[in-house]
Amino acid sequence: MKRLRPAAERGHVRTDWLDSRHGFSFGHYHDPQWMGWGPLRVLNEDRVAPGAGFPPHGHANMEILSYVVSGALAHRDSGGGEGVIHAGHWQWMSAGHGVEHSEYNASDTETVHFLQVWIQPDRVNTPPAHAQRAFDASARRGRWQTFVSPDGADGSLAIRQQAWVRGIGLTPGERATLQLQGSRRYWLQVVSGAITAGGDALSAGDALGLSEESDALELAAVDEADILVFDLPA
């Protein structure tokens, strides 16, 4: 099964400091057709104005990931985790049995553009945890790079779920293959650029959900593209 999620059909929240596009139901945006994709429950594309951000607030039993597209994001949480991540970097916070955190634009002059991702964990009420990683963009030029995994393999962030997040950068005309297993779910998100994915044309913000698919998915870049794939339990 394939489900296309066009960027223009996502939920949209706009304030004086936040421009947020919601791939799944979140906050005041509710669409019963888009409640998540397996344990992937939130995928927001956020743009936060200089100096602004999300003040301290609480979460529990959720794996929360942030991927910065441009700018810089500053994090602080009640468990002692803090840091700043820049373009191409990833941050993980496991809310565990409960944690408060804040996320602010680290710049007073530049908008921060990032993806906010929530994945349900495979265990509950664990101690909260935080980590972040800087990834070399050249390592994913034309090949898959692992950002997130259950065991932290290859320098990835280890999360509390049998899920992987991988990324690839393609130049115009370049091709790649995504191997699929019928027992897994996949969510392909185009961060920037434009591609074709198994015959479907996708541009920045578009996504493709796949389940019960065992054939390889062929990708081809139309424009220079940054692509993420979430490999998830069914």
C-alpha atoms as a PDB file:
ATOM      1  CA  MET A   1       0.000   0.000   0.000  1.00  0.00           C
ATOM      2  CA  LYS A   2       1.211   3.497  -0.870  1.00  0.00           C
ATOM      3  CA  ARG A   3      -0.205   6.739   0.532  1.00  0.00           C
ATOM      4  CA  LEU A   4       0.868  10.075  -0.860  1.00  0.00           C
ATOM      5  CA  ARG A   5       0.953  13.025   1.544  1.00  0.00           C
ATOM      6  CA  PRO A   6       1.243  16.246  -0.497  1.00  0.00           C
ATOM      7  CA  ALA A   7       2.935  19.128   1.290  1.00  0.00           C
ATOM      8  CA  ALA A   8       0.090  21.523   0.498  1.00  0.00           C
ATOM      9  CA  GLU A   9      -2.470  19.299   2.252  1.00  0.00           C
ATOM     10  CA  ARG A  10      -0.701  19.234   5.621  1.00  0.00           C
ATOM     11  CA  GLY A  11      -2.090  21.075   8.624  1.00  0.00           C
ATOM     12  CA  HIS A  12      -0.853  24.643   8.958  1.00  0.00           C
ATOM     13  CA  VAL A  13      -0.360  26.849  12.010  1.00  0.00           C
ATOM     14  CA  ARG A  14       0.956  30.390  11.661  1.00  0.00           C
ATOM     15  CA  THR A  15       1.647  32.895  14.450  1.00  0.00           C
ATOM     16  CA  ASP A  16       3.861  35.961  14.725  1.00  0.00           C
ATOM     17  CA  TRP A  17       6.866  33.728  15.494  1.00  0.00           C
ATOM     18  CA  LEU A  18       6.016  30.227  14.192  1.00  0.00           C
ATOM     19  CA  ASP A  19       5.186  28.785  10.769  1.00  0.00           C
ATOM     20  CA  SER A  20       4.440  25.070  11.228  1.00  0.00           C
ATOM     21  CA  ARG A  21       3.249  22.410   8.775  1.00  0.00           C
ATOM     22  CA  HIS A  22       1.828  19.225  10.338  1.00  0.00           C
ATOM     23  CA  GLY A  23       2.090  15.923   8.473  1.00  0.00           C
ATOM     24  CA  PHE A  24      -0.117  14.241  11.093  1.00  0.00           C
ATOM     25  CA  SER A  25      -2.763  15.382  13.567  1.00  0.00           C
ATOM     26  CA  PHE A  26      -1.172  17.641  16.151  1.00  0.00           C
ATOM     27  CA  GLY A  27      -2.451  20.237  18.593  1.00  0.00           C
ATOM     28  CA  HIS A  28      -5.511  22.014  17.169  1.00  0.00           C
ATOM     29  CA  TYR A  29      -5.055  20.301  13.792  1.00  0.00           C
ATOM     30  CA  HIS A  30      -7.020  17.049  13.679  1.00  0.00           C
ATOM     31  CA  ASP A  31      -7.517  14.813  10.657  1.00  0.00           C
ATOM     32  CA  PRO A  32      -8.753  11.270  11.400  1.00  0.00           C
ATOM     33  CA  GLN A  33      -7.190  10.141   8.105  1.00  0.00           C
ATOM     34  CA  TRP A  34      -3.746  11.202   9.314  1.00  0.00           C
ATOM     35  CA  MET A  35      -3.211  10.128  12.920  1.00  0.00           C
ATOM     36  CA  GLY A  36       0.290   8.779  12.334  1.00  0.00           C
ATOM     37  CA  TRP A  37       2.110   6.040  10.467  1.00  0.00           C
ATOM     38  CA  GLY A  38       2.715   3.119  12.811  1.00  0.00           C
ATOM     39  CA  PRO A  39       4.692   4.475  15.788  1.00  0.00           C
ATOM     40  CA  LEU A  40       5.532   7.677  13.861  1.00  0.00           C
ATOM     41  CA  ARG A  41       3.013  10.065  15.423  1.00  0.00           C
ATOM     42  CA  VAL A  42       4.296  13.581  14.672  1.00  0.00           C
ATOM     43  CA  LEU A  43       6.237  15.057  11.783  1.00  0.00           C
ATOM     44  CA  ASN A  44       6.113  18.846  11.888  1.00  0.00           C
ATOM     45  CA  GLU A  45       8.100  21.156   9.655  1.00  0.00           C
ATOM     46  CA  ASP A  46       8.737  24.232  11.803  1.00  0.00           C
ATOM     47  CA  ARG A  47      10.166  27.659  11.038  1.00  0.00           C
ATOM     48  CA  VAL A  48      10.823  29.719  14.166  1.00  0.00           C
ATOM     49  CA  ALA A  49      11.586  33.430  14.097  1.00  0.00           C
ATOM     50  CA  PRO A  50      14.884  34.779  15.486  1.00  0.00           C
ATOM     51  CA  GLY A  51      15.030  34.733  19.279  1.00  0.00           C
ATOM     52  CA  ALA A  52      11.675  32.950  19.613  1.00  0.00           C
ATOM     53  CA  GLY A  53      10.745  29.393  20.470  1.00  0.00           C
ATOM     54  CA  PHE A  54       8.791  26.898  22.514  1.00  0.00           C
ATOM     55  CA  PRO A  55       8.918  27.714  26.268  1.00  0.00           C
ATOM     56  CA  PRO A  56       9.271  24.935  28.863  1.00  0.00           C
ATOM     57  CA  HIS A  57       6.530  22.314  28.592  1.00  0.00           C
ATOM     58  CA  GLY A  58       6.149  18.672  29.521  1.00  0.00           C
ATOM     59  CA  HIS A  59       6.027  15.316  27.718  1.00  0.00           C
ATOM     60  CA  ALA A  60       6.078  11.658  28.740  1.00  0.00           C
ATOM     61  CA  ASN A  61       6.687   8.343  26.949  1.00  0.00           C
ATOM     62  CA  MET A  62       7.677   9.706  23.565  1.00  0.00           C
ATOM     63  CA  GLU A  63      10.907   9.655  21.557  1.00  0.00           C
ATOM     64  CA  ILE A  64      11.332  13.210  20.233  1.00  0.00           C
ATOM     65  CA  LEU A  65      13.760  13.959  17.415  1.00  0.00           C
ATOM     66  CA  SER A  66      14.779  17.268  15.854  1.00  0.00           C
ATOM     67  CA  TYR A  67      16.543  17.634  12.509  1.00  0.00           C
ATOM     68  CA  VAL A  68      17.792  21.111  11.598  1.00  0.00           C
ATOM     69  CA  VAL A  69      17.497  22.065   7.934  1.00  0.00           C
ATOM     70  CA  SER A  70      18.939  25.557   8.355  1.00  0.00           C
ATOM     71  CA  GLY A  71      19.824  27.821  11.252  1.00  0.00           C
ATOM     72  CA  ALA A  72      20.425  26.670  14.826  1.00  0.00           C
ATOM     73  CA  LEU A  73      18.186  25.251  17.565  1.00  0.00           C
ATOM     74  CA  ALA A  74      18.886  25.529  21.303  1.00  0.00           C
ATOM     75  CA  HIS A  75      17.579  22.828  23.661  1.00  0.00           C
ATOM     76  CA  ARG A  76      17.305  22.628  27.443  1.00  0.00           C
ATOM     77  CA  ASP A  77      15.448  20.072  29.578  1.00  0.00           C
ATOM     78  CA  SER A  78      14.729  19.321  33.222  1.00  0.00           C
ATOM     79  CA  GLY A  79      16.947  16.229  33.099  1.00  0.00           C
ATOM     80  CA  GLY A  80      20.038  18.347  32.550  1.00  0.00           C
ATOM     81  CA  GLY A  81      20.219  17.932  28.787  1.00  0.00           C
ATOM     82  CA  GLU A  82      21.140  21.018  26.801  1.00  0.00           C
ATOM     83  CA  GLY A  83      22.888  21.952  23.594  1.00  0.00           C
ATOM     84  CA  VAL A  84      22.668  23.695  20.230  1.00  0.00           C
ATOM     85  CA  ILE A  85      22.277  21.856  16.939  1.00  0.00           C
ATOM     86  CA  HIS A  86      22.964  23.276  13.482  1.00  0.00           C
ATOM     87  CA  ALA A  87      22.042  22.394   9.894  1.00  0.00           C
ATOM     88  CA  GLY A  88      22.333  18.652   9.246  1.00  0.00           C
ATOM     89  CA  HIS A  89      22.479  17.802  12.949  1.00  0.00           C
ATOM     90  CA  TRP A  90      20.059  15.607  14.922  1.00  0.00           C
ATOM     91  CA  GLN A  91      18.863  15.753  18.510  1.00  0.00           C
ATOM     92  CA  TRP A  92      17.107  13.022  20.502  1.00  0.00           C
ATOM     93  CA  MET A  93      15.156  13.447  23.710  1.00  0.00           C
ATOM     94  CA  SER A  94      13.441  10.475  25.287  1.00  0.00           C
ATOM     95  CA  ALA A  95      10.682  11.908  27.463  1.00  0.00           C
ATOM     96  CA  GLY A  96      10.543   8.685  29.505  1.00  0.00           C
ATOM     97  CA  HIS A  97       8.462   8.933  32.673  1.00  0.00           C
ATOM     98  CA  GLY A  98       8.230  12.703  32.249  1.00  0.00           C
ATOM     99  CA  VAL A  99      10.415  15.677  31.364  1.00  0.00           C
ATOM    100  CA  GLU A 100      10.093  19.394  30.720  1.00  0.00           C
ATOM    101  CA  HIS A 101      12.007  20.977  27.858  1.00  0.00           C
ATOM    102  CA  SER A 102      12.299  24.138  25.783  1.00  0.00           C
ATOM    103  CA  GLU A 103      13.378  24.603  22.159  1.00  0.00           C
ATOM    104  CA  TYR A 104      14.459  28.066  21.024  1.00  0.00           C
ATOM    105  CA  ASN A 105      15.968  29.600  17.950  1.00  0.00           C
ATOM    106  CA  ALA A 106      19.627  30.007  18.904  1.00  0.00           C
ATOM    107  CA  SER A 107      19.988  33.042  16.622  1.00  0.00           C
ATOM    108  CA  ASP A 108      18.716  36.592  17.065  1.00  0.00           C
ATOM    109  CA  THR A 109      18.971  37.273  13.327  1.00  0.00           C
ATOM    110  CA  GLU A 110      18.228  34.075  11.369  1.00  0.00           C
ATOM    111  CA  THR A 111      15.105  31.884  11.196  1.00  0.00           C
ATOM    112  CA  VAL A 112      15.619  28.259  12.250  1.00  0.00           C
ATOM    113  CA  HIS A 113      14.003  25.655   9.984  1.00  0.00           C
ATOM    114  CA  PHE A 114      13.746  22.160  11.454  1.00  0.00           C
ATOM    115  CA  LEU A 115      11.716  18.964  11.499  1.00  0.00           C
ATOM    116  CA  GLN A 116      10.117  17.891  14.776  1.00  0.00           C
ATOM    117  CA  VAL A 117       9.503  14.135  14.939  1.00  0.00           C
ATOM    118  CA  TRP A 118       7.738  12.072  17.605  1.00  0.00           C
ATOM    119  CA  ILE A 119       7.995   8.280  17.680  1.00  0.00           C
ATOM    120  CA  GLN A 120       6.196   6.128  20.238  1.00  0.00           C
ATOM    121  CA  PRO A 121       8.700   4.051  22.256  1.00  0.00           C
ATOM    122  CA  ASP A 122       8.569   0.283  22.681  1.00  0.00           C
ATOM    123  CA  ARG A 123       8.847   0.651  26.475  1.00  0.00           C
ATOM    124  CA  VAL A 124       7.356   3.145  28.921  1.00  0.00           C
ATOM    125  CA  ASN A 125       8.272   5.050  32.083  1.00  0.00           C
ATOM    126  CA  THR A 126      12.018   4.863  31.504  1.00  0.00           C
ATOM    127  CA  PRO A 127      14.385   7.608  32.743  1.00  0.00           C
ATOM    128  CA  PRO A 128      14.442  10.643  30.426  1.00  0.00           C
ATOM    129  CA  ALA A 129      17.534  10.980  28.224  1.00  0.00           C
ATOM    130  CA  HIS A 130      19.068  13.391  25.719  1.00  0.00           C
ATOM    131  CA  ALA A 131      21.773  13.224  23.047  1.00  0.00           C
ATOM    132  CA  GLN A 132      22.720  15.013  19.848  1.00  0.00           C
ATOM    133  CA  ARG A 133      24.938  14.263  16.868  1.00  0.00           C
ATOM    134  CA  ALA A 134      26.573  16.223  14.079  1.00  0.00           C
ATOM    135  CA  PHE A 135      26.578  14.232  10.825  1.00  0.00           C
ATOM    136  CA  ASP A 136      28.904  14.821   7.882  1.00  0.00           C
ATOM    137  CA  ALA A 137      26.741  15.707   4.873  1.00  0.00           C
ATOM    138  CA  SER A 138      29.386  14.389   2.473  1.00  0.00           C
ATOM    139  CA  ALA A 139      28.857  10.889   3.927  1.00  0.00           C
ATOM    140  CA  ARG A 140      25.334  10.740   2.473  1.00  0.00           C
ATOM    141  CA  ARG A 141      26.055  12.086  -0.987  1.00  0.00           C
ATOM    142  CA  GLY A 142      24.573   9.369  -3.155  1.00  0.00           C
ATOM    143  CA  ARG A 143      24.394   6.792  -0.353  1.00  0.00           C
ATOM    144  CA  TRP A 144      22.260   6.101   2.681  1.00  0.00           C
ATOM    145  CA  GLN A 145      23.451   7.374   6.049  1.00  0.00           C
ATOM    146  CA  THR A 146      21.917   6.171   9.345  1.00  0.00           C
ATOM    147  CA  PHE A 147      20.948   8.937  11.768  1.00  0.00           C
ATOM    148  CA  VAL A 148      18.789   6.998  14.235  1.00  0.00           C
ATOM    149  CA  SER A 149      18.676   3.308  15.170  1.00  0.00           C
ATOM    150  CA  PRO A 150      17.725   1.034  18.103  1.00  0.00           C
ATOM    151  CA  ASP A 151      21.377   0.334  18.987  1.00  0.00           C
ATOM    152  CA  GLY A 152      23.367   3.418  17.968  1.00  0.00           C
ATOM    153  CA  ALA A 153      25.168   1.568  15.168  1.00  0.00           C
ATOM    154  CA  ASP A 154      27.594   3.540  13.005  1.00  0.00           C
ATOM    155  CA  GLY A 155      27.504   6.542  15.299  1.00  0.00           C
ATOM    156  CA  SER A 156      23.731   7.010  15.033  1.00  0.00           C
ATOM    157  CA  LEU A 157      21.465   8.142  17.868  1.00  0.00           C
ATOM    158  CA  ALA A 158      20.042   5.163  19.782  1.00  0.00           C
ATOM    159  CA  ILE A 159      16.300   5.430  20.468  1.00  0.00           C
ATOM    160  CA  ARG A 160      13.880   3.262  22.421  1.00  0.00           C
ATOM    161  CA  GLN A 161      12.072   1.738  19.461  1.00  0.00           C
ATOM    162  CA  GLN A 162      12.854  -0.729  16.680  1.00  0.00           C
ATOM    163  CA  ALA A 163      13.037   2.127  14.196  1.00  0.00           C
ATOM    164  CA  TRP A 164      15.677   3.561  11.912  1.00  0.00           C
ATOM    165  CA  VAL A 165      15.956   6.980  10.285  1.00  0.00           C
ATOM    166  CA  ARG A 166      18.210   7.229   7.241  1.00  0.00           C
ATOM    167  CA  GLY A 167      18.978  10.009   4.827  1.00  0.00           C
ATOM    168  CA  ILE A 168      20.485  10.487   1.400  1.00  0.00           C
ATOM    169  CA  GLY A 169      21.501  13.464  -0.713  1.00  0.00           C
ATOM    170  CA  LEU A 170      21.066  13.201  -4.476  1.00  0.00           C
ATOM    171  CA  THR A 171      22.200  15.465  -7.292  1.00  0.00           C
ATOM    172  CA  PRO A 172      20.054  15.990 -10.419  1.00  0.00           C
ATOM    173  CA  GLY A 173      19.864  12.765 -12.429  1.00  0.00           C
ATOM    174  CA  GLU A 174      21.331  10.665  -9.626  1.00  0.00           C
ATOM    175  CA  ARG A 175      19.471   7.510  -8.601  1.00  0.00           C
ATOM    176  CA  ALA A 176      19.167   5.428  -5.439  1.00  0.00           C
ATOM    177  CA  THR A 177      17.314   2.320  -4.294  1.00  0.00           C
ATOM    178  CA  LEU A 178      15.313   1.918  -1.103  1.00  0.00           C
ATOM    179  CA  GLN A 179      15.066  -1.738  -0.109  1.00  0.00           C
ATOM    180  CA  LEU A 180      11.700  -2.596   1.438  1.00  0.00           C
ATOM    181  CA  GLN A 181      10.486  -5.418   3.678  1.00  0.00           C
ATOM    182  CA  GLY A 182       6.810  -6.362   3.649  1.00  0.00           C
ATOM    183  CA  SER A 183       6.816  -6.735   7.438  1.00  0.00           C
ATOM    184  CA  ARG A 184       7.838  -3.078   7.975  1.00  0.00           C
ATOM    185  CA  ARG A 185       6.351   0.366   7.377  1.00  0.00           C
ATOM    186  CA  TYR A 186       8.221   3.216   5.701  1.00  0.00           C
ATOM    187  CA  TRP A 187       7.729   6.956   5.532  1.00  0.00           C
ATOM    188  CA  LEU A 188       9.707   8.798   2.866  1.00  0.00           C
ATOM    189  CA  GLN A 189       9.966  12.564   3.449  1.00  0.00           C
ATOM    190  CA  VAL A 190      11.435  14.993   0.919  1.00  0.00           C
ATOM    191  CA  VAL A 191      13.181  17.686   2.941  1.00  0.00           C
ATOM    192  CA  SER A 192      14.322  19.743  -0.049  1.00  0.00           C
ATOM    193  CA  GLY A 193      14.551  19.464  -3.818  1.00  0.00           C
ATOM    194  CA  ALA A 194      12.483  17.224  -6.082  1.00  0.00           C
ATOM    195  CA  ILE A 195      12.548  13.512  -6.922  1.00  0.00           C
ATOM    196  CA  THR A 196      10.573  10.710  -8.450  1.00  0.00           C
ATOM    197  CA  ALA A 197       9.883   7.726  -6.196  1.00  0.00           C
ATOM    198  CA  GLY A 198       8.600   4.666  -8.011  1.00  0.00           C
ATOM    199  CA  GLY A 199       6.935   6.886 -10.576  1.00  0.00           C
ATOM    200  CA  ASP A 200       5.473   9.411  -8.089  1.00  0.00           C
ATOM    201  CA  ALA A 201       6.749  12.986  -8.416  1.00  0.00           C
ATOM    202  CA  LEU A 202       7.640  14.451  -4.994  1.00  0.00           C
ATOM    203  CA  SER A 203       8.872  17.921  -4.061  1.00  0.00           C
ATOM    204  CA  ALA A 204       9.996  19.558  -0.817  1.00  0.00           C
ATOM    205  CA  GLY A 205       7.526  18.780   1.975  1.00  0.00           C
ATOM    206  CA  ASP A 206       5.854  15.918   0.111  1.00  0.00           C
ATOM    207  CA  ALA A 207       5.888  12.447   1.667  1.00  0.00           C
ATOM    208  CA  LEU A 208       5.081   8.869   0.736  1.00  0.00           C
ATOM    209  CA  GLY A 209       3.917   6.208   3.196  1.00  0.00           C
ATOM    210  CA  LEU A 210       4.567   2.553   2.343  1.00  0.00           C
ATOM    211  CA  SER A 211       3.316  -0.603   4.038  1.00  0.00           C
ATOM    212  CA  GLU A 212       3.171  -4.270   3.020  1.00  0.00           C
ATOM    213  CA  GLU A 213       5.541  -3.445   0.162  1.00  0.00           C
ATOM    214  CA  SER A 214       8.440  -5.792  -0.555  1.00  0.00           C
ATOM    215  CA  ASP A 215       9.661  -4.488  -3.912  1.00  0.00           C
ATOM    216  CA  ALA A 216      12.575  -2.062  -3.964  1.00  0.00           C
ATOM    217  CA  LEU A 217      11.611   1.587  -4.465  1.00  0.00           C
ATOM    218  CA  GLU A 218      13.653   3.398  -7.088  1.00  0.00           C
ATOM    219  CA  LEU A 219      14.429   7.065  -6.458  1.00  0.00           C
ATOM    220  CA  ALA A 220      15.720   9.603  -8.975  1.00  0.00           C
ATOM    221  CA  ALA A 221      16.598  13.242  -8.308  1.00  0.00           C
ATOM    222  CA  VAL A 222      15.064  15.929 -10.493  1.00  0.00           C
ATOM    223  CA  ASP A 223      16.686  18.757  -8.498  1.00  0.00           C
ATOM    224  CA  GLU A 224      19.318  18.444  -5.788  1.00  0.00           C
ATOM    225  CA  ALA A 225      17.435  16.688  -3.014  1.00  0.00           C
ATOM    226  CA  ASP A 226      17.677  15.882   0.687  1.00  0.00           C
ATOM    227  CA  ILE A 227      15.559  12.816   1.548  1.00  0.00           C
ATOM    228  CA  LEU A 228      14.709  11.080   4.819  1.00  0.00           C
ATOM    229  CA  VAL A 229      13.285   7.587   5.271  1.00  0.00           C
ATOM    230  CA  PHE A 230      11.704   6.324   8.496  1.00  0.00           C
ATOM    231  CA  ASP A 231      11.912   2.521   8.741  1.00  0.00           C
ATOM    232  CA  LEU A 232       9.261   1.502  11.283  1.00  0.00           C
ATOM    233  CA  PRO A 233       7.584  -1.527  12.883  1.00  0.00           C
ATOM    234  CA  ALA A 234       4.327  -2.470  11.217  1.00  0.00           C
END
